[in-house]
Protein backbone atom coordinates (compact mmCIF):
# COMPACT_ATOMS: atom_id res chain seq x y z
CA MET A 1 -10.35 -66.21 -24.43
CA VAL A 2 -9.19 -65.05 -27.86
CA ALA A 3 -12.15 -66.84 -29.48
CA VAL A 4 -14.65 -65.45 -26.94
CA GLY A 5 -13.25 -61.98 -27.29
CA PHE A 6 -13.38 -62.30 -31.09
CA VAL A 7 -17.09 -63.29 -30.99
CA THR A 8 -18.30 -60.90 -28.32
CA TYR A 9 -16.55 -57.85 -29.82
CA GLY A 10 -17.55 -58.56 -33.40
CA LEU A 11 -21.24 -59.32 -32.71
CA GLY A 12 -21.37 -56.67 -29.99
CA ILE A 13 -20.26 -53.60 -31.95
CA ALA A 14 -20.37 -54.21 -35.74
CA PRO A 15 -24.11 -54.49 -36.39
CA ALA A 16 -24.88 -51.34 -34.40
CA TYR A 17 -21.91 -49.35 -35.52
CA TYR A 18 -22.28 -50.07 -39.22
CA GLY A 19 -25.99 -50.36 -39.23
CA LEU A 20 -26.85 -46.69 -39.07
CA GLY A 21 -24.98 -45.90 -42.27
CA VAL A 22 -26.80 -48.60 -44.16
CA PHE A 23 -30.20 -47.59 -42.90
CA ALA A 24 -29.49 -43.82 -43.25
CA SER A 25 -31.35 -43.24 -46.50
CA SER A 26 -34.43 -45.12 -45.22
CA LEU A 27 -34.38 -43.15 -42.01
CA ILE A 28 -34.14 -39.88 -43.94
CA ASP A 29 -37.10 -40.85 -46.12
CA ASP A 30 -39.36 -42.33 -43.42
CA LEU A 31 -38.69 -39.91 -40.55
CA GLY A 32 -37.83 -36.77 -42.49
CA LEU A 33 -34.27 -36.47 -41.16
CA THR A 34 -31.49 -34.46 -42.73
CA ARG A 35 -27.96 -35.65 -43.42
CA GLN A 36 -26.71 -33.44 -40.63
CA GLN A 37 -29.10 -35.21 -38.20
CA ILE A 38 -27.82 -38.61 -39.29
CA GLY A 39 -24.25 -37.42 -38.60
CA GLU A 40 -25.26 -35.91 -35.25
CA ILE A 41 -27.02 -39.08 -34.15
CA PHE A 42 -23.99 -41.20 -35.01
CA GLY A 43 -21.69 -38.66 -33.44
CA ALA A 44 -23.73 -38.61 -30.24
CA PHE A 45 -23.59 -42.45 -30.22
CA THR A 46 -19.79 -42.43 -30.43
CA LEU A 47 -19.61 -39.63 -27.90
CA THR A 48 -21.71 -41.64 -25.42
CA TYR A 49 -19.51 -44.69 -25.52
CA GLY A 50 -16.42 -42.55 -25.33
CA LEU A 51 -17.62 -40.58 -22.33
CA ILE A 52 -18.56 -43.79 -20.49
CA SER A 53 -15.19 -45.43 -21.06
CA PRO A 54 -13.56 -44.15 -17.79
CA VAL A 55 -16.59 -45.55 -15.96
CA ALA A 56 -16.21 -48.84 -17.82
CA ALA A 57 -12.51 -48.88 -16.81
CA ALA A 58 -13.53 -48.56 -13.17
CA VAL A 59 -16.14 -51.30 -13.50
CA ILE A 60 -13.57 -53.64 -15.14
CA ARG A 61 -11.11 -53.06 -12.36
CA ARG A 62 -13.81 -53.63 -9.69
CA TRP A 63 -15.93 -56.45 -11.13
CA GLY A 64 -13.99 -57.77 -14.08
CA VAL A 65 -14.59 -58.11 -17.83
CA ARG A 66 -17.36 -60.70 -17.73
CA ALA A 67 -19.80 -58.67 -15.63
CA THR A 68 -19.05 -55.52 -17.62
CA VAL A 69 -19.67 -57.14 -20.97
CA THR A 70 -22.82 -58.91 -19.80
CA ALA A 71 -24.43 -55.76 -18.36
CA GLY A 72 -23.42 -53.63 -21.32
CA ALA A 73 -24.80 -56.06 -23.89
CA LEU A 74 -28.19 -56.14 -22.15
CA CYS A 75 -28.24 -52.37 -22.13
CA ALA A 76 -27.39 -52.25 -25.84
CA ALA A 77 -30.17 -54.70 -26.67
CA SER A 78 -32.68 -52.48 -24.93
CA GLY A 79 -31.46 -49.40 -26.82
CA PHE A 80 -31.58 -50.98 -30.26
CA TRP A 81 -35.05 -52.33 -29.59
CA LEU A 82 -36.10 -48.77 -28.83
CA VAL A 83 -34.60 -47.71 -32.17
CA SER A 84 -36.82 -50.23 -34.01
CA GLN A 85 -39.86 -48.49 -32.46
CA ALA A 86 -38.72 -44.93 -33.12
CA SER A 87 -41.03 -42.44 -34.79
CA SER A 88 -38.95 -39.23 -34.27
CA VAL A 89 -35.39 -37.99 -34.16
CA THR A 90 -35.69 -37.62 -30.33
CA GLU A 91 -36.42 -41.37 -30.00
CA LEU A 92 -33.52 -42.23 -32.17
CA TYR A 93 -31.22 -40.15 -29.92
CA VAL A 94 -32.56 -41.97 -26.84
CA GLY A 95 -32.46 -45.49 -28.26
CA TYR A 96 -29.32 -45.38 -30.40
CA SER A 97 -27.16 -42.55 -29.13
CA LEU A 98 -27.84 -42.77 -25.42
CA VAL A 99 -28.97 -46.26 -24.39
CA GLY A 100 -27.23 -48.06 -27.23
CA GLY A 101 -24.10 -45.98 -26.82
CA LEU A 102 -23.96 -46.77 -23.06
CA GLY A 103 -24.29 -50.50 -23.84
CA ILE A 104 -21.55 -50.42 -26.46
CA GLY A 105 -19.22 -48.49 -24.20
CA PHE A 106 -19.48 -51.12 -21.49
CA SER A 107 -19.56 -54.23 -23.62
CA THR A 108 -17.12 -53.84 -26.53
CA LEU A 109 -14.25 -51.36 -26.94
CA LEU A 110 -12.45 -51.35 -23.61
CA PRO A 111 -13.19 -55.05 -22.71
CA ALA A 112 -11.90 -56.24 -26.14
CA GLN A 113 -8.70 -54.32 -25.67
CA THR A 114 -8.26 -55.35 -22.04
CA ILE A 115 -8.39 -59.08 -22.70
CA PRO A 116 -5.21 -59.38 -24.73
CA VAL A 117 -3.30 -57.06 -22.44
CA PHE A 118 -4.16 -58.99 -19.31
CA TRP A 119 -3.92 -62.47 -20.84
CA PHE A 120 -0.89 -62.06 -23.11
CA ARG A 121 2.65 -60.70 -23.09
CA ARG A 122 4.76 -62.32 -25.79
CA TYR A 123 1.88 -62.63 -28.26
CA ARG A 124 -0.03 -59.52 -27.22
CA ALA A 125 -0.15 -57.93 -30.69
CA ARG A 126 -1.21 -61.17 -32.31
CA ALA A 127 -3.88 -61.78 -29.70
CA THR A 128 -5.13 -58.22 -30.10
CA ALA A 129 -5.19 -58.53 -33.86
CA ILE A 130 -7.30 -61.69 -33.84
CA ILE A 131 -9.82 -60.33 -31.29
CA LEU A 132 -10.30 -57.11 -33.20
CA THR A 133 -10.92 -58.88 -36.51
CA GLY A 134 -14.24 -59.99 -35.02
CA ALA A 135 -15.67 -56.54 -35.84
CA ALA A 136 -14.15 -56.66 -39.37
CA ILE A 137 -15.68 -60.00 -40.26
CA VAL A 138 -19.11 -59.19 -38.86
CA GLY A 139 -18.83 -55.70 -40.33
CA PHE A 140 -18.06 -57.22 -43.72
CA VAL A 141 -21.14 -59.40 -43.58
CA TRP A 142 -23.59 -56.99 -42.03
CA PRO A 143 -23.80 -54.09 -44.54
CA PRO A 144 -24.93 -56.29 -47.48
CA ALA A 145 -27.11 -58.36 -45.14
CA ALA A 146 -28.69 -55.18 -43.85
CA GLY A 147 -29.17 -54.11 -47.45
CA LEU A 148 -31.11 -57.34 -48.06
CA VAL A 149 -33.26 -56.61 -44.99
CA LEU A 150 -34.21 -53.32 -46.56
CA GLU A 151 -35.04 -55.14 -49.83
CA PHE A 152 -37.44 -57.63 -48.13
CA TRP A 153 -38.52 -55.85 -44.96
CA ASP A 154 -37.57 -52.44 -43.54
CA TRP A 155 -35.12 -50.73 -41.23
CA ARG A 156 -37.29 -51.51 -38.13
CA VAL A 157 -36.80 -55.21 -38.64
CA GLY A 158 -33.08 -54.58 -39.06
CA TRP A 159 -32.79 -52.95 -35.67
CA ARG A 160 -34.79 -55.76 -34.07
CA ILE A 161 -32.17 -58.19 -35.44
CA VAL A 162 -29.41 -56.00 -34.01
CA ALA A 163 -31.13 -56.11 -30.58
CA GLY A 164 -31.36 -59.89 -30.73
CA ILE A 165 -27.61 -60.13 -31.59
CA SER A 166 -26.82 -58.04 -28.49
CA LEU A 167 -28.73 -60.51 -26.35
CA VAL A 168 -26.66 -63.34 -27.74
CA VAL A 169 -23.50 -61.45 -26.74
CA ALA A 170 -24.77 -61.17 -23.19
CA VAL A 171 -25.35 -64.93 -23.00
CA ILE A 172 -21.88 -65.71 -24.48
CA ALA A 173 -20.19 -63.34 -22.01
CA VAL A 174 -21.82 -64.71 -18.88
CA LEU A 175 -21.06 -68.26 -19.88
CA PHE A 176 -17.54 -68.07 -21.28
CA ILE A 177 -15.59 -64.91 -20.35
CA ARG A 178 -13.06 -65.28 -17.53
CA ASN A 179 -11.47 -62.22 -15.98
CA LYS A 180 -7.82 -63.32 -15.64
CA PRO A 181 -5.64 -66.37 -16.22
CA SER A 182 -5.51 -67.32 -12.57
CA ASP A 183 -9.30 -67.82 -12.63
CA ILE A 184 -8.70 -71.07 -14.54
CA GLY A 185 -5.28 -71.97 -13.12
CA GLN A 186 -3.18 -70.47 -15.88
CA ARG A 187 -0.49 -67.82 -16.17
CA ARG A 188 -0.34 -64.99 -18.66
CA ASP A 189 1.16 -66.08 -21.96
CA GLY A 190 3.11 -69.03 -20.45
CA LEU A 191 5.21 -66.80 -18.25
CA PRO A 192 6.78 -68.07 -14.92
CA PRO A 193 4.79 -67.58 -11.69
CA VAL A 194 4.60 -64.03 -10.47
CA ASP A 195 7.12 -62.80 -8.02
CA ALA A 196 6.33 -62.76 -4.31
CA ASP A 197 5.81 -58.92 -4.48
CA GLY A 198 3.04 -59.40 -7.10
CA SER A 199 5.03 -58.11 -10.04
CA ASP A 200 5.43 -60.03 -13.23
CA PRO A 201 9.00 -60.24 -14.38
CA GLY A 202 7.97 -60.41 -18.03
CA ASP A 203 5.44 -57.63 -18.14
CA SER A 204 6.74 -55.84 -21.18
CA GLY A 205 4.41 -56.57 -24.01
CA HIS A 206 7.16 -55.68 -26.43
CA PRO A 207 10.81 -56.48 -26.55
CA ALA A 208 11.79 -52.85 -26.34
CA GLU A 209 9.57 -52.07 -23.42
CA ALA A 210 11.27 -51.76 -20.00
CA ARG A 211 9.31 -52.36 -16.87
CA PRO A 212 10.20 -50.81 -13.56
CA ALA A 213 10.82 -53.17 -10.72
CA GLY A 214 8.03 -53.49 -8.13
CA SER A 215 5.45 -51.70 -10.28
CA GLY A 216 2.76 -54.19 -9.56
CA ALA A 217 0.46 -55.83 -12.10
CA GLU A 218 -3.05 -54.68 -12.82
CA THR A 219 -5.46 -57.44 -13.62
CA ALA A 220 -9.14 -57.53 -14.29
CA GLY A 221 -11.05 -57.17 -11.06
CA GLU A 222 -7.97 -55.74 -9.17
CA SER A 223 -6.78 -52.28 -8.43
CA ALA A 224 -4.10 -50.46 -10.50
CA PRO A 225 -0.98 -49.25 -8.81
CA LYS A 226 -1.52 -46.00 -7.06
CA GLY A 227 -0.93 -43.04 -9.31
CA ALA A 228 -0.59 -45.09 -12.50
CA LEU A 229 -3.27 -43.18 -14.39
CA MET A 230 -2.01 -39.73 -13.41
CA TRP A 231 1.51 -40.74 -14.33
CA ALA A 232 0.29 -41.80 -17.80
CA LEU A 233 -1.70 -38.67 -18.30
CA ARG A 234 1.40 -36.53 -17.56
CA THR A 235 3.50 -38.16 -20.28
CA PRO A 236 3.64 -36.52 -23.73
CA GLN A 237 3.42 -40.06 -25.24
CA PHE A 238 -0.18 -40.35 -23.96
CA TRP A 239 -1.23 -37.22 -25.83
CA ILE A 240 0.74 -38.01 -29.04
CA ALA A 241 -0.67 -41.54 -29.17
CA THR A 242 -4.18 -40.23 -28.50
CA PHE A 243 -3.81 -37.75 -31.33
CA ALA A 244 -2.73 -40.59 -33.66
CA THR A 245 -5.81 -42.56 -32.55
CA LEU A 246 -8.01 -39.48 -33.33
CA ALA A 247 -6.38 -39.25 -36.81
CA ASN A 248 -7.50 -42.83 -37.42
CA THR A 249 -10.92 -42.69 -35.83
CA VAL A 250 -12.40 -39.53 -37.27
CA PRO A 251 -11.96 -40.50 -41.01
CA TRP A 252 -13.38 -43.96 -40.27
CA ARG A 253 -16.43 -42.53 -38.52
CA VAL A 254 -17.09 -39.96 -41.28
CA VAL A 255 -16.93 -42.72 -43.97
CA THR A 256 -19.07 -45.01 -41.81
CA ALA A 257 -21.84 -42.42 -41.32
CA HIS A 258 -21.65 -40.72 -44.69
CA GLY A 259 -19.81 -43.03 -47.07
CA GLY A 260 -22.94 -44.63 -48.37
CA ILE A 261 -24.60 -41.26 -49.12
CA HIS A 262 -21.34 -39.99 -50.71
CA LEU A 263 -21.26 -42.99 -53.03
CA GLU A 264 -24.95 -42.40 -53.86
CA ASP A 265 -24.14 -38.80 -54.64
CA LEU A 266 -21.48 -40.15 -57.08
CA GLY A 267 -24.10 -42.28 -58.82
CA PHE A 268 -24.13 -45.62 -57.10
CA THR A 269 -27.39 -47.28 -55.97
CA THR A 270 -28.08 -47.86 -52.29
CA LEU A 271 -27.47 -51.62 -52.69
CA ALA A 272 -24.22 -51.05 -54.58
CA ALA A 273 -23.03 -48.51 -52.08
CA SER A 274 -23.74 -50.96 -49.18
CA ALA A 275 -21.75 -53.64 -50.98
CA ILE A 276 -18.79 -51.33 -51.58
CA LEU A 277 -18.71 -50.20 -47.93
CA GLY A 278 -18.88 -53.88 -46.89
CA VAL A 279 -15.61 -54.47 -48.78
CA ARG A 280 -14.12 -51.59 -46.79
CA VAL A 281 -15.01 -53.25 -43.48
CA GLY A 282 -13.93 -56.65 -44.71
CA ALA A 283 -10.55 -55.26 -45.81
CA SER A 284 -9.97 -54.10 -42.28
CA LEU A 285 -9.81 -57.77 -41.36
CA PHE A 286 -6.51 -58.04 -43.23
CA GLY A 287 -5.37 -54.75 -41.62
CA ARG A 288 -6.20 -55.86 -38.13
CA LEU A 289 -4.35 -59.14 -38.50
CA SER A 290 -1.40 -57.29 -39.97
CA GLY A 291 -1.27 -55.39 -36.71
CA SER A 292 0.48 -58.47 -35.33
CA LEU A 293 3.63 -56.88 -36.82
CA GLY A 294 3.73 -54.96 -33.53
CA ASP A 295 5.18 -58.08 -31.96
CA PHE A 296 8.24 -57.81 -34.29
CA MET A 297 8.82 -54.05 -34.73
CA ALA A 298 7.97 -50.84 -33.08
CA PRO A 299 4.13 -50.52 -33.15
CA THR A 300 4.44 -46.77 -33.46
CA ARG A 301 6.00 -47.24 -36.92
CA VAL A 302 3.19 -49.65 -37.93
CA LEU A 303 0.59 -47.12 -36.75
CA ALA A 304 2.27 -44.36 -38.78
CA LEU A 305 2.36 -46.41 -41.98
CA ALA A 306 -1.30 -47.34 -41.55
CA LEU A 307 -2.28 -43.68 -41.22
CA LEU A 308 -0.41 -42.75 -44.38
CA LEU A 309 -2.22 -45.53 -46.32
CA THR A 310 -5.53 -44.10 -45.05
CA ALA A 311 -4.54 -40.56 -46.17
CA VAL A 312 -3.76 -41.68 -49.74
CA ALA A 313 -6.93 -43.71 -50.03
CA LEU A 314 -9.16 -40.87 -48.83
CA SER A 315 -7.72 -38.51 -51.42
CA PHE A 316 -8.88 -40.89 -54.19
CA PHE A 317 -12.21 -41.68 -52.53
CA VAL A 318 -13.25 -38.01 -52.95
CA SER A 319 -14.04 -38.62 -56.66
CA ALA A 320 -14.49 -42.39 -56.81
CA SER A 321 -17.40 -42.30 -59.30
CA SER A 322 -16.78 -45.78 -60.78
CA ALA A 323 -16.52 -49.18 -59.22
CA VAL A 324 -12.99 -49.55 -60.63
CA VAL A 325 -11.89 -46.66 -58.38
CA ALA A 326 -14.32 -47.01 -55.43
CA TYR A 327 -13.41 -50.65 -54.58
CA PRO A 328 -9.65 -50.11 -54.33
CA CYS A 329 -10.21 -46.95 -52.35
CA VAL A 330 -12.49 -48.51 -49.72
CA PHE A 331 -10.25 -51.59 -49.57
CA ALA A 332 -7.24 -49.44 -48.76
CA ILE A 333 -9.20 -47.37 -46.25
CA GLY A 334 -10.24 -50.60 -44.56
CA VAL A 335 -6.69 -52.02 -44.45
CA GLY A 336 -5.33 -48.71 -43.11
CA TYR A 337 -7.97 -48.44 -40.40
CA GLY A 338 -7.67 -52.03 -39.29
CA LEU A 339 -3.86 -51.92 -39.18
CA ALA A 340 -3.98 -48.67 -37.17
CA TYR A 341 -6.74 -49.91 -34.88
CA THR A 342 -4.80 -52.91 -33.71
CA SER A 343 -1.63 -50.85 -33.47
CA GLU A 344 -3.33 -48.28 -31.21
CA VAL A 345 -3.94 -50.98 -28.55
CA VAL A 346 -0.46 -52.38 -28.88
CA VAL A 347 1.05 -48.92 -28.61
CA PHE A 348 -0.75 -48.21 -25.36
CA GLY A 349 0.25 -51.60 -24.01
CA TRP A 350 3.89 -50.91 -25.01
CA PHE A 351 3.90 -47.47 -23.53
CA PHE A 352 2.01 -48.03 -20.26
CA GLY A 353 1.92 -51.88 -19.60
CA ARG A 354 -0.72 -53.48 -17.50
CA ALA A 355 -0.03 -51.02 -14.72
CA ALA A 356 -1.81 -48.12 -16.42
CA PHE A 357 -3.43 -49.66 -19.50
CA VAL A 358 -7.07 -49.80 -18.45
CA GLY A 359 -7.03 -46.28 -16.95
CA SER A 360 -5.08 -44.66 -19.82
CA THR A 361 -7.14 -46.42 -22.46
CA GLY A 362 -10.36 -45.32 -20.76
CA ALA A 363 -9.09 -41.76 -20.77
CA ARG A 364 -8.09 -42.09 -24.39
CA LEU A 365 -11.53 -43.37 -25.43
CA PHE A 366 -13.09 -40.63 -23.42
CA LEU A 367 -11.21 -37.90 -25.31
CA ILE A 368 -11.72 -39.57 -28.64
CA GLY A 369 -15.47 -39.83 -27.87
CA ILE A 370 -15.70 -36.07 -27.30
CA ILE A 371 -13.59 -34.89 -30.18
CA GLY A 372 -14.47 -37.72 -32.59
CA ALA A 373 -18.20 -37.05 -32.23
CA LEU A 374 -17.78 -33.78 -34.11
CA GLY A 375 -16.53 -35.36 -37.27
CA PRO A 376 -19.75 -37.01 -38.53
CA ALA A 377 -21.88 -34.05 -37.48
CA LEU A 378 -19.66 -31.43 -39.15
CA ALA A 379 -19.39 -33.71 -42.32
CA GLY A 380 -23.25 -33.84 -42.55
CA ALA A 381 -23.51 -30.06 -41.93
CA ALA A 382 -20.96 -29.30 -44.64
CA ALA A 383 -22.74 -31.66 -47.11
CA ASP A 384 -26.07 -29.99 -46.45
CA ARG A 385 -24.56 -26.64 -47.32
CA THR A 386 -22.33 -27.58 -50.24
CA GLY A 387 -23.98 -30.78 -51.53
CA SER A 388 -20.62 -32.54 -51.39
CA TYR A 389 -18.33 -34.42 -48.95
CA ALA A 390 -15.14 -33.49 -50.81
CA GLY A 391 -13.86 -30.85 -48.39
CA THR A 392 -14.47 -33.14 -45.41
CA LEU A 393 -12.64 -36.05 -46.98
CA TRP A 394 -9.65 -33.87 -47.89
CA THR A 395 -9.54 -32.64 -44.35
CA CYS A 396 -9.57 -36.19 -43.01
CA SER A 397 -6.69 -37.08 -45.33
CA VAL A 398 -4.58 -34.21 -43.91
CA LEU A 399 -5.49 -35.21 -40.35
CA ALA A 400 -4.13 -38.77 -41.07
CA VAL A 401 -0.90 -37.36 -42.40
CA LEU A 402 -0.38 -35.29 -39.30
CA GLY A 403 -1.14 -38.27 -37.05
CA ALA A 404 1.41 -40.40 -38.93
CA ALA A 405 4.15 -37.72 -38.58
CA SER A 406 3.56 -37.31 -34.84
CA ILE A 407 3.59 -40.98 -33.88
CA TRP A 408 6.48 -42.05 -36.07
CA PHE A 409 9.13 -40.50 -33.79
CA CYS A 410 7.43 -41.30 -30.49
CA ARG A 411 9.22 -43.63 -28.04
CA PRO A 412 7.97 -45.33 -24.84
CA PRO A 413 8.01 -43.17 -21.68
CA ASP A 414 10.36 -43.74 -18.80
CA ARG A 415 8.50 -45.77 -16.22
CA SER A 416 11.10 -45.67 -13.53
CA SER A 417 8.97 -43.44 -11.36
CA LEU A 418 5.99 -45.77 -11.58
CA THR A 419 6.52 -47.88 -8.45
CA GLY A 420 2.92 -48.55 -7.36
CA GLY A 421 3.60 -46.64 -4.13
CA PRO A 422 4.11 -43.04 -3.04
CA LYS A 423 6.56 -42.28 -5.81
CA ALA A 424 3.89 -42.74 -8.40
CA GLU A 425 2.19 -39.64 -6.98
CA GLN A 426 5.34 -37.46 -7.36
């Protein structure tokens, strides 16, 4: 399951997510777009898959991960094929931001985070880290590969390739994904059989996480305990952890959508900028794997340190006009993002366990989708007015510092009231 999650997540999201930034200059030239429009299209894409996350959570609980990923990948393939045929900004919105965003929302983010939480307990952080490195590896390869596509063909061919990759994801999902360990006669992470009341005595996900007795286990294709989501939303830990996620997501999306153009503004060629950004994504591989530290220490501290690293790297990226400066900057940005990205999942697993993970994570992605969509659009608008991304990058750096400060002192909520029965509603 780790291998399948690794492949479906990496191939499912990376070509689409990182493709727009690589093809941005060509789209601007061929379709007469502005930088702000590129940012708005990317922002609308992330908004769509964020808004659909609560629906994806409900679908996972009702039909399981396999059906959700399969249907989503087929939808994504349709959207990216429409992008390859686009002749106007409206068609880009429909194909990439709407249809493609819906497909990504169902097939990648939430399913990839659900698999390690439902299949693992002792090794949850390590399983999460490995699965999430799929996007880092594919993201490392795709930008320079897409740059070569531009050299020999054009951006339309590139999006046809992305559509074909999404079809491959659908095939892999329907053949190999299983919804829960019991589907193949296994138990989660080698734990003893579940108790007679359906609870799992080892459902902690972290040595420091206490689990209330009788709180029931949520598994793919089954219902969550009554009131689990509302309980999670009422805790301050949910909002603090969501803010920390936002502090990691917004800078990454801004650099993804505009980093190539920023480097071109600093004097790099399109091919050189693509190669540099590819290093950033590849560096996140190391960061995501390092997120396995969450099995050995409080994942909130790991997340805070990752955000601080991102803040420092962004401050130097503002004026990275030479390769000697640019490469270390993007490497550090990649490590920081990857480390934080894995830690976000582990933090939510630590805070809320299986009982409320899918619902709370769906709500988190929903909120991040709404707020995070503004970042690329505002960055593009600011660049159109000032001719520079400096102000935006400094703002992102400050946001990362604030996120680190807020999550550093955060501790797991008291789950004694989460009983899976009437008390959960109190």
